[in-house]
Amino acid sequence: ISALENAPVKQNVAMTGSLSVRGDVLPVG
């Protein structure tokens, strides 16, 4: 999404999470 919209992403942020096709963030181990 950042590349498509040319929107920069904060580099002081890290993330983890699964994703459903509806956009829900699902749990991970």
PDB file of all heavy atoms in Angstrom:
ATOM      1  N   ILE A   1       0.845  -1.203   0.000  1.00  0.00           N
ATOM      2  CA  ILE A   1       0.000   0.000   0.000  1.00  0.00           C
ATOM      3  C   ILE A   1       0.878   1.249   0.000  1.00  0.00           C
ATOM      4  O   ILE A   1       0.603   2.237  -0.695  1.00  0.00           O
ATOM      5  CB  ILE A   1      -0.954  -0.014   1.210  1.00  0.00           C
ATOM      6  CG1 ILE A   1      -1.996  -1.121   1.032  1.00  0.00           C
ATOM      7  CG2 ILE A   1      -1.636   1.334   1.380  1.00  0.00           C
ATOM      8  CD1 ILE A   1      -2.889  -1.322   2.241  1.00  0.00           C
ATOM      9  N   SER A   2       1.976   1.203   0.760  1.00  0.00           N
ATOM     10  CA  SER A   2       2.899   2.334   0.784  1.00  0.00           C
ATOM     11  C   SER A   2       3.494   2.580  -0.601  1.00  0.00           C
ATOM     12  O   SER A   2       3.590   3.729  -1.058  1.00  0.00           O
ATOM     13  CB  SER A   2       4.018   2.063   1.793  1.00  0.00           C
ATOM     14  OG  SER A   2       5.046   3.010   1.674  1.00  0.00           O
ATOM     15  N   ALA A   3       3.857   1.493  -1.299  1.00  0.00           N
ATOM     16  CA  ALA A   3       4.443   1.639  -2.636  1.00  0.00           C
ATOM     17  C   ALA A   3       3.408   2.116  -3.646  1.00  0.00           C
ATOM     18  O   ALA A   3       3.718   2.950  -4.517  1.00  0.00           O
ATOM     19  CB  ALA A   3       5.045   0.299  -3.074  1.00  0.00           C
ATOM     20  N   LEU A   4       2.196   1.614  -3.564  1.00  0.00           N
ATOM     21  CA  LEU A   4       1.145   2.013  -4.504  1.00  0.00           C
ATOM     22  C   LEU A   4       0.797   3.489  -4.370  1.00  0.00           C
ATOM     23  O   LEU A   4       0.591   4.200  -5.358  1.00  0.00           O
ATOM     24  CB  LEU A   4      -0.109   1.161  -4.277  1.00  0.00           C
ATOM     25  CG  LEU A   4      -0.143  -0.231  -4.917  1.00  0.00           C
ATOM     26  CD1 LEU A   4      -1.352  -1.002  -4.406  1.00  0.00           C
ATOM     27  CD2 LEU A   4      -0.175  -0.132  -6.438  1.00  0.00           C
ATOM     28  N   GLU A   5       0.700   3.957  -3.132  1.00  0.00           N
ATOM     29  CA  GLU A   5       0.248   5.324  -2.860  1.00  0.00           C
ATOM     30  C   GLU A   5       1.396   6.297  -2.644  1.00  0.00           C
ATOM     31  O   GLU A   5       1.151   7.469  -2.350  1.00  0.00           O
ATOM     32  CB  GLU A   5      -0.655   5.320  -1.623  1.00  0.00           C
ATOM     33  CG  GLU A   5      -1.885   4.436  -1.755  1.00  0.00           C
ATOM     34  CD  GLU A   5      -2.810   4.919  -2.860  1.00  0.00           C
ATOM     35  OE1 GLU A   5      -2.867   6.150  -3.092  1.00  0.00           O
ATOM     36  OE2 GLU A   5      -3.467   4.079  -3.499  1.00  0.00           O
ATOM     37  N   ASN A   6       2.640   5.783  -2.740  1.00  0.00           N
ATOM     38  CA  ASN A   6       3.814   6.628  -2.507  1.00  0.00           C
ATOM     39  C   ASN A   6       3.746   7.287  -1.130  1.00  0.00           C
ATOM     40  O   ASN A   6       4.118   8.444  -0.951  1.00  0.00           O
ATOM     41  CB  ASN A   6       3.951   7.694  -3.603  1.00  0.00           C
ATOM     42  CG  ASN A   6       5.359   8.272  -3.652  1.00  0.00           C
ATOM     43  OD1 ASN A   6       6.333   7.566  -3.364  1.00  0.00           O
ATOM     44  ND2 ASN A   6       5.459   9.545  -4.006  1.00  0.00           N
ATOM     45  N   ALA A   7       3.254   6.516  -0.153  1.00  0.00           N
ATOM     46  CA  ALA A   7       3.108   7.017   1.224  1.00  0.00           C
ATOM     47  C   ALA A   7       4.235   6.439   2.071  1.00  0.00           C
ATOM     48  O   ALA A   7       4.375   5.216   2.164  1.00  0.00           O
ATOM     49  CB  ALA A   7       1.757   6.605   1.796  1.00  0.00           C
ATOM     50  N   PRO A   8       5.061   7.260   2.688  1.00  0.00           N
ATOM     51  CA  PRO A   8       6.186   6.757   3.475  1.00  0.00           C
ATOM     52  C   PRO A   8       5.737   6.035   4.753  1.00  0.00           C
ATOM     53  O   PRO A   8       4.694   6.354   5.330  1.00  0.00           O
ATOM     54  CB  PRO A   8       6.989   8.014   3.801  1.00  0.00           C
ATOM     55  CG  PRO A   8       6.014   9.133   3.694  1.00  0.00           C
ATOM     56  CD  PRO A   8       5.020   8.744   2.657  1.00  0.00           C
ATOM     57  N   VAL A   9       6.549   5.079   5.180  1.00  0.00           N
ATOM     58  CA  VAL A   9       6.288   4.292   6.390  1.00  0.00           C
ATOM     59  C   VAL A   9       7.317   4.661   7.453  1.00  0.00           C
ATOM     60  O   VAL A   9       8.509   4.801   7.164  1.00  0.00           O
ATOM     61  CB  VAL A   9       6.366   2.776   6.089  1.00  0.00           C
ATOM     62  CG1 VAL A   9       6.174   1.961   7.371  1.00  0.00           C
ATOM     63  CG2 VAL A   9       5.341   2.386   5.046  1.00  0.00           C
ATOM     64  N   LYS A  10       6.857   4.826   8.679  1.00  0.00           N
ATOM     65  CA  LYS A  10       7.763   5.128   9.786  1.00  0.00           C
ATOM     66  C   LYS A  10       8.698   3.937  10.013  1.00  0.00           C
ATOM     67  O   LYS A  10       8.256   2.801  10.156  1.00  0.00           O
ATOM     68  CB  LYS A  10       6.965   5.394  11.061  1.00  0.00           C
ATOM     69  CG  LYS A  10       6.000   6.564  10.975  1.00  0.00           C
ATOM     70  CD  LYS A  10       5.168   6.639  12.253  1.00  0.00           C
ATOM     71  CE  LYS A  10       4.100   7.735  12.152  1.00  0.00           C
ATOM     72  NZ  LYS A  10       3.213   7.744  13.343  1.00  0.00           N
ATOM     73  N   GLN A  11       9.984   4.222  10.075  1.00  0.00           N
ATOM     74  CA  GLN A  11      10.964   3.154  10.245  1.00  0.00           C
ATOM     75  C   GLN A  11      11.284   2.854  11.704  1.00  0.00           C
ATOM     76  O   GLN A  11      12.074   1.939  11.987  1.00  0.00           O
ATOM     77  CB  GLN A  11      12.243   3.504   9.482  1.00  0.00           C
ATOM     78  CG  GLN A  11      12.058   3.587   7.978  1.00  0.00           C
ATOM     79  CD  GLN A  11      11.507   2.301   7.382  1.00  0.00           C
ATOM     80  OE1 GLN A  11      12.143   1.253   7.469  1.00  0.00           O
ATOM     81  NE2 GLN A  11      10.308   2.365   6.789  1.00  0.00           N
ATOM     82  N   ASN A  12      10.663   3.589  12.622  1.00  0.00           N
ATOM     83  CA  ASN A  12      10.841   3.261  14.036  1.00  0.00           C
ATOM     84  C   ASN A  12       9.748   2.325  14.532  1.00  0.00           C
ATOM     85  O   ASN A  12       9.590   2.110  15.728  1.00  0.00           O
ATOM     86  CB  ASN A  12      10.875   4.534  14.883  1.00  0.00           C
ATOM     87  CG  ASN A  12       9.550   5.277  14.872  1.00  0.00           C
ATOM     88  OD1 ASN A  12       8.711   5.074  13.978  1.00  0.00           O
ATOM     89  ND2 ASN A  12       9.340   6.142  15.856  1.00  0.00           N
ATOM     90  N   VAL A  13       8.961   1.779  13.582  1.00  0.00           N
ATOM     91  CA  VAL A  13       7.856   0.875  13.908  1.00  0.00           C
ATOM     92  C   VAL A  13       8.149  -0.495  13.296  1.00  0.00           C
ATOM     93  O   VAL A  13       8.559  -0.594  12.135  1.00  0.00           O
ATOM     94  CB  VAL A  13       6.511   1.405  13.360  1.00  0.00           C
ATOM     95  CG1 VAL A  13       5.389   0.412  13.630  1.00  0.00           C
ATOM     96  CG2 VAL A  13       6.198   2.763  13.960  1.00  0.00           C
ATOM     97  N   ALA A  14       7.956  -1.557  14.080  1.00  0.00           N
ATOM     98  CA  ALA A  14       8.029  -2.939  13.592  1.00  0.00           C
ATOM     99  C   ALA A  14       6.662  -3.578  13.805  1.00  0.00           C
ATOM    100  O   ALA A  14       5.852  -3.084  14.598  1.00  0.00           O
ATOM    101  CB  ALA A  14       9.103  -3.717  14.326  1.00  0.00           C
ATOM    102  N   MET A  15       6.390  -4.654  13.081  1.00  0.00           N
ATOM    103  CA  MET A  15       5.044  -5.237  13.184  1.00  0.00           C
ATOM    104  C   MET A  15       5.066  -6.734  12.895  1.00  0.00           C
ATOM    105  O   MET A  15       5.973  -7.267  12.249  1.00  0.00           O
ATOM    106  CB  MET A  15       4.091  -4.538  12.211  1.00  0.00           C
ATOM    107  CG  MET A  15       4.466  -4.665  10.740  1.00  0.00           C
ATOM    108  SD  MET A  15       3.338  -3.743   9.654  1.00  0.00           S
ATOM    109  CE  MET A  15       3.755  -2.047  10.064  1.00  0.00           C
ATOM    110  N   THR A  16       4.045  -7.413  13.391  1.00  0.00           N
ATOM    111  CA  THR A  16       3.799  -8.818  13.096  1.00  0.00           C
ATOM    112  C   THR A  16       2.307  -9.086  13.193  1.00  0.00           C
ATOM    113  O   THR A  16       1.613  -8.468  14.002  1.00  0.00           O
ATOM    114  CB  THR A  16       4.559  -9.750  14.066  1.00  0.00           C
ATOM    115  OG1 THR A  16       4.321 -11.114  13.697  1.00  0.00           O
ATOM    116  CG2 THR A  16       4.100  -9.560  15.503  1.00  0.00           C
ATOM    117  N   GLY A  17       1.818  -9.962  12.349  1.00  0.00           N
ATOM    118  CA  GLY A  17       0.395 -10.301  12.373  1.00  0.00           C
ATOM    119  C   GLY A  17      -0.046 -10.949  11.082  1.00  0.00           C
ATOM    120  O   GLY A  17       0.468 -10.632  10.006  1.00  0.00           O
ATOM    121  N   SER A  18      -0.978 -11.872  11.194  1.00  0.00           N
ATOM    122  CA  SER A  18      -1.578 -12.476  10.017  1.00  0.00           C
ATOM    123  C   SER A  18      -2.731 -11.594   9.542  1.00  0.00           C
ATOM    124  O   SER A  18      -3.151 -10.669  10.249  1.00  0.00           O
ATOM    125  CB  SER A  18      -2.066 -13.884  10.355  1.00  0.00           C
ATOM    126  OG  SER A  18      -2.633 -14.509   9.231  1.00  0.00           O
ATOM    127  N   LEU A  19      -3.250 -11.882   8.350  1.00  0.00           N
ATOM    128  CA  LEU A  19      -4.266 -11.010   7.762  1.00  0.00           C
ATOM    129  C   LEU A  19      -5.278 -11.852   6.997  1.00  0.00           C
ATOM    130  O   LEU A  19      -4.915 -12.742   6.232  1.00  0.00           O
ATOM    131  CB  LEU A  19      -3.599 -10.012   6.816  1.00  0.00           C
ATOM    132  CG  LEU A  19      -4.417  -8.798   6.364  1.00  0.00           C
ATOM    133  CD1 LEU A  19      -4.790  -7.927   7.542  1.00  0.00           C
ATOM    134  CD2 LEU A  19      -3.618  -7.993   5.337  1.00  0.00           C
ATOM    135  N   SER A  20      -6.554 -11.566   7.240  1.00  0.00           N
ATOM    136  CA  SER A  20      -7.602 -12.233   6.474  1.00  0.00           C
ATOM    137  C   SER A  20      -7.862 -11.461   5.179  1.00  0.00           C
ATOM    138  O   SER A  20      -7.427 -10.315   5.024  1.00  0.00           O
ATOM    139  CB  SER A  20      -8.889 -12.318   7.296  1.00  0.00           C
ATOM    140  OG  SER A  20      -9.527 -11.055   7.346  1.00  0.00           O
ATOM    141  N   VAL A  21      -8.585 -12.076   4.260  1.00  0.00           N
ATOM    142  CA  VAL A  21      -8.893 -11.395   3.002  1.00  0.00           C
ATOM    143  C   VAL A  21      -9.846 -10.232   3.218  1.00  0.00           C
ATOM    144  O   VAL A  21     -10.028  -9.397   2.318  1.00  0.00           O
ATOM    145  CB  VAL A  21      -9.492 -12.386   1.979  1.00  0.00           C
ATOM    146  CG1 VAL A  21      -8.463 -13.414   1.575  1.00  0.00           C
ATOM    147  CG2 VAL A  21     -10.746 -13.060   2.538  1.00  0.00           C
ATOM    148  N   ARG A  22     -10.472 -10.150   4.376  1.00  0.00           N
ATOM    149  CA  ARG A  22     -11.342  -9.011   4.704  1.00  0.00           C
ATOM    150  C   ARG A  22     -10.596  -7.888   5.406  1.00  0.00           C
ATOM    151  O   ARG A  22     -11.172  -6.845   5.691  1.00  0.00           O
ATOM    152  CB  ARG A  22     -12.495  -9.485   5.606  1.00  0.00           C
ATOM    153  CG  ARG A  22     -13.417 -10.513   4.969  1.00  0.00           C
ATOM    154  CD  ARG A  22     -14.315  -9.897   3.919  1.00  0.00           C
ATOM    155  NE  ARG A  22     -15.129  -8.825   4.432  1.00  0.00           N
ATOM    156  CZ  ARG A  22     -16.294  -8.989   5.075  1.00  0.00           C
ATOM    157  NH1 ARG A  22     -16.755 -10.209   5.268  1.00  0.00           N
ATOM    158  NH2 ARG A  22     -16.985  -7.959   5.491  1.00  0.00           N
ATOM    159  N   GLY A  23      -9.309  -8.128   5.751  1.00  0.00           N
ATOM    160  CA  GLY A  23      -8.524  -7.079   6.404  1.00  0.00           C
ATOM    161  C   GLY A  23      -8.394  -7.224   7.899  1.00  0.00           C
ATOM    162  O   GLY A  23      -7.814  -6.360   8.554  1.00  0.00           O
ATOM    163  N   ASP A  24      -8.938  -8.304   8.485  1.00  0.00           N
ATOM    164  CA  ASP A  24      -8.794  -8.523   9.922  1.00  0.00           C
ATOM    165  C   ASP A  24      -7.383  -8.987  10.247  1.00  0.00           C
ATOM    166  O   ASP A  24      -6.798  -9.813   9.539  1.00  0.00           O
ATOM    167  CB  ASP A  24      -9.783  -9.591  10.401  1.00  0.00           C
ATOM    168  CG  ASP A  24     -11.229  -9.189  10.150  1.00  0.00           C
ATOM    169  OD1 ASP A  24     -11.560  -8.037  10.446  1.00  0.00           O
ATOM    170  OD2 ASP A  24     -12.007 -10.038   9.660  1.00  0.00           O
ATOM    171  N   VAL A  25      -6.836  -8.473  11.344  1.00  0.00           N
ATOM    172  CA  VAL A  25      -5.516  -8.895  11.816  1.00  0.00           C
ATOM    173  C   VAL A  25      -5.702 -10.081  12.753  1.00  0.00           C
ATOM    174  O   VAL A  25      -6.375  -9.966  13.781  1.00  0.00           O
ATOM    175  CB  VAL A  25      -4.786  -7.745  12.528  1.00  0.00           C
ATOM    176  CG1 VAL A  25      -3.421  -8.223  13.039  1.00  0.00           C
ATOM    177  CG2 VAL A  25      -4.594  -6.566  11.578  1.00  0.00           C
ATOM    178  N   LEU A  26      -5.090 -11.201  12.389  1.00  0.00           N
ATOM    179  CA  LEU A  26      -5.282 -12.447  13.124  1.00  0.00           C
ATOM    180  C   LEU A  26      -4.059 -12.760  13.982  1.00  0.00           C
ATOM    181  O   LEU A  26      -2.949 -12.317  13.689  1.00  0.00           O
ATOM    182  CB  LEU A  26      -5.537 -13.592  12.137  1.00  0.00           C
ATOM    183  CG  LEU A  26      -6.688 -13.374  11.145  1.00  0.00           C
ATOM    184  CD1 LEU A  26      -6.785 -14.550  10.186  1.00  0.00           C
ATOM    185  CD2 LEU A  26      -8.002 -13.185  11.890  1.00  0.00           C
ATOM    186  N   PRO A  27      -4.241 -13.560  15.035  1.00  0.00           N
ATOM    187  CA  PRO A  27      -3.131 -13.837  15.965  1.00  0.00           C
ATOM    188  C   PRO A  27      -2.052 -14.705  15.335  1.00  0.00           C
ATOM    189  O   PRO A  27      -2.295 -15.475  14.410  1.00  0.00           O
ATOM    190  CB  PRO A  27      -3.815 -14.568  17.132  1.00  0.00           C
ATOM    191  CG  PRO A  27      -5.046 -15.169  16.543  1.00  0.00           C
ATOM    192  CD  PRO A  27      -5.509 -14.203  15.484  1.00  0.00           C
ATOM    193  N   VAL A  28      -0.844 -14.591  15.893  1.00  0.00           N
ATOM    194  CA  VAL A  28       0.314 -15.370  15.451  1.00  0.00           C
ATOM    195  C   VAL A  28       1.036 -15.899  16.683  1.00  0.00           C
ATOM    196  O   VAL A  28       0.717 -15.544  17.823  1.00  0.00           O
ATOM    197  CB  VAL A  28       1.277 -14.518  14.599  1.00  0.00           C
ATOM    198  CG1 VAL A  28       0.626 -14.101  13.303  1.00  0.00           C
ATOM    199  CG2 VAL A  28       1.760 -13.294  15.379  1.00  0.00           C
ATOM    200  N   GLY A  29       2.024 -16.749  16.465  1.00  0.00           N
ATOM    201  CA  GLY A  29       2.813 -17.277  17.566  1.00  0.00           C
ATOM    202  C   GLY A  29       4.115 -16.514  17.748  1.00  0.00           C
ATOM    203  O   GLY A  29       4.520 -15.718  16.907  1.00  0.00           O
TER     204      GLY A  29
END
